[in-house]
């Protein structure tokens, strides 16, 4: 959701998050989802991801 949706705090965004979560869980394993997340997050001092 961090790189696919805006940072708005609205009911519409929450609904989009729920739909996106269902679609992602159908397409990827939990391990794949975690890997995608870990490689996208900000780690500080200009560093992103662990790989």
N, C-alpha and C. Protein backbone atom coordinates (compact mmCIF):
# COMPACT_ATOMS: atom_id res chain seq x y z
N UNK A 1 0.82 -1.20 0.00
CA UNK A 1 0.00 0.00 0.00
C UNK A 1 0.86 1.25 0.00
N UNK A 2 2.04 1.17 0.61
CA UNK A 2 2.88 2.35 0.72
C UNK A 2 3.30 2.92 -0.63
N UNK A 3 3.50 2.07 -1.61
CA UNK A 3 3.90 2.60 -2.91
C UNK A 3 2.82 2.51 -3.97
N UNK A 4 1.64 2.04 -3.60
CA UNK A 4 0.54 1.95 -4.57
C UNK A 4 -0.60 2.92 -4.29
N UNK A 5 -0.72 3.39 -3.05
CA UNK A 5 -1.82 4.28 -2.69
C UNK A 5 -1.30 5.60 -2.14
N UNK A 6 -2.16 6.60 -2.13
CA UNK A 6 -1.80 7.90 -1.56
C UNK A 6 -1.77 7.81 -0.04
N UNK A 7 -1.34 8.87 0.60
CA UNK A 7 -1.28 8.88 2.06
C UNK A 7 -2.53 9.50 2.69
N UNK A 8 -3.58 9.69 1.90
CA UNK A 8 -4.84 10.25 2.41
C UNK A 8 -5.41 9.37 3.51
N UNK A 9 -6.09 10.01 4.45
CA UNK A 9 -6.76 9.27 5.53
C UNK A 9 -8.27 9.39 5.34
N UNK A 10 -8.77 8.62 4.38
CA UNK A 10 -10.19 8.67 4.06
C UNK A 10 -10.78 7.26 4.06
N UNK A 11 -12.09 7.19 4.13
CA UNK A 11 -12.78 5.91 4.07
C UNK A 11 -12.52 5.25 2.72
N UNK A 12 -12.50 6.05 1.67
CA UNK A 12 -12.25 5.51 0.32
C UNK A 12 -10.89 4.83 0.25
N UNK A 13 -9.87 5.45 0.84
CA UNK A 13 -8.54 4.84 0.82
C UNK A 13 -8.52 3.54 1.62
N UNK A 14 -9.20 3.52 2.76
CA UNK A 14 -9.25 2.30 3.57
C UNK A 14 -9.92 1.15 2.81
N UNK A 15 -10.95 1.45 2.05
CA UNK A 15 -11.60 0.43 1.23
C UNK A 15 -10.64 -0.07 0.15
N UNK A 16 -9.91 0.87 -0.46
CA UNK A 16 -8.92 0.47 -1.47
C UNK A 16 -7.83 -0.39 -0.85
N UNK A 17 -7.41 -0.06 0.37
CA UNK A 17 -6.40 -0.86 1.07
C UNK A 17 -6.89 -2.29 1.29
N UNK A 18 -8.14 -2.43 1.70
CA UNK A 18 -8.70 -3.75 1.97
C UNK A 18 -8.76 -4.58 0.69
N UNK A 19 -9.21 -3.98 -0.39
CA UNK A 19 -9.27 -4.68 -1.67
C UNK A 19 -7.87 -5.05 -2.15
N UNK A 20 -6.95 -4.13 -2.02
CA UNK A 20 -5.56 -4.38 -2.42
C UNK A 20 -4.95 -5.51 -1.60
N UNK A 21 -5.21 -5.53 -0.31
CA UNK A 21 -4.67 -6.59 0.56
C UNK A 21 -5.18 -7.96 0.13
N UNK A 22 -6.45 -8.06 -0.20
CA UNK A 22 -7.02 -9.33 -0.65
C UNK A 22 -6.36 -9.78 -1.94
N UNK A 23 -6.21 -8.85 -2.88
CA UNK A 23 -5.59 -9.20 -4.17
C UNK A 23 -4.13 -9.60 -4.01
N UNK A 24 -3.40 -8.90 -3.16
CA UNK A 24 -1.99 -9.23 -2.94
C UNK A 24 -1.86 -10.60 -2.30
N UNK A 25 -2.69 -10.90 -1.30
CA UNK A 25 -2.61 -12.19 -0.63
C UNK A 25 -2.99 -13.35 -1.54
N UNK A 26 -3.80 -13.09 -2.55
CA UNK A 26 -4.14 -14.13 -3.53
C UNK A 26 -3.01 -14.36 -4.52
N UNK A 27 -2.23 -13.30 -4.80
CA UNK A 27 -1.20 -13.38 -5.83
C UNK A 27 0.17 -13.81 -5.31
N UNK A 28 0.45 -13.55 -4.01
CA UNK A 28 1.77 -13.80 -3.46
C UNK A 28 1.67 -14.60 -2.16
N UNK A 29 2.76 -15.30 -1.83
CA UNK A 29 2.85 -15.97 -0.53
C UNK A 29 3.19 -14.92 0.53
N UNK A 30 3.03 -15.28 1.79
CA UNK A 30 3.38 -14.36 2.88
C UNK A 30 4.85 -13.98 2.81
N UNK A 31 5.70 -14.95 2.47
CA UNK A 31 7.14 -14.70 2.37
C UNK A 31 7.44 -13.70 1.25
N UNK A 32 6.77 -13.83 0.13
CA UNK A 32 6.97 -12.90 -0.99
C UNK A 32 6.51 -11.49 -0.63
N UNK A 33 5.39 -11.40 0.07
CA UNK A 33 4.89 -10.09 0.50
C UNK A 33 5.88 -9.43 1.45
N UNK A 34 6.40 -10.20 2.40
CA UNK A 34 7.38 -9.66 3.34
C UNK A 34 8.64 -9.21 2.61
N UNK A 35 9.10 -10.00 1.65
CA UNK A 35 10.30 -9.64 0.88
C UNK A 35 10.08 -8.34 0.12
N UNK A 36 8.93 -8.20 -0.54
CA UNK A 36 8.62 -6.97 -1.26
C UNK A 36 8.62 -5.77 -0.31
N UNK A 37 8.02 -5.93 0.85
CA UNK A 37 7.96 -4.85 1.84
C UNK A 37 9.35 -4.49 2.36
N UNK A 38 10.12 -5.51 2.72
CA UNK A 38 11.45 -5.26 3.29
C UNK A 38 12.39 -4.59 2.29
N UNK A 39 12.17 -4.80 1.02
CA UNK A 39 13.01 -4.18 0.00
C UNK A 39 12.52 -2.79 -0.40
N UNK A 40 11.42 -2.34 0.16
CA UNK A 40 10.84 -1.05 -0.20
C UNK A 40 10.91 -0.01 0.92
N UNK A 41 11.01 -0.44 2.17
CA UNK A 41 10.91 0.48 3.31
C UNK A 41 12.15 1.37 3.44
N UNK A 42 11.95 2.52 4.05
CA UNK A 42 13.03 3.47 4.33
C UNK A 42 13.73 3.05 5.61
N UNK A 43 15.05 2.93 5.54
CA UNK A 43 15.83 2.47 6.70
C UNK A 43 16.62 3.60 7.36
N UNK A 44 16.55 4.79 6.82
CA UNK A 44 17.25 5.93 7.40
C UNK A 44 18.51 6.28 6.62
N UNK A 45 18.96 7.51 6.76
CA UNK A 45 20.17 8.04 6.13
C UNK A 45 20.21 7.71 4.63
N UNK A 46 19.09 7.90 3.96
CA UNK A 46 19.01 7.70 2.52
C UNK A 46 19.00 6.26 2.06
N UNK A 47 18.86 5.31 2.97
CA UNK A 47 18.87 3.89 2.61
C UNK A 47 17.45 3.34 2.54
N UNK A 48 17.19 2.60 1.48
CA UNK A 48 15.90 1.94 1.29
C UNK A 48 16.10 0.46 1.08
N UNK A 49 15.30 -0.36 1.73
CA UNK A 49 15.34 -1.81 1.53
C UNK A 49 16.57 -2.48 2.10
N UNK A 50 16.49 -3.79 2.21
CA UNK A 50 17.59 -4.55 2.79
C UNK A 50 18.40 -5.29 1.74
N UNK A 51 17.90 -5.39 0.52
CA UNK A 51 18.64 -6.12 -0.52
C UNK A 51 19.33 -5.17 -1.46
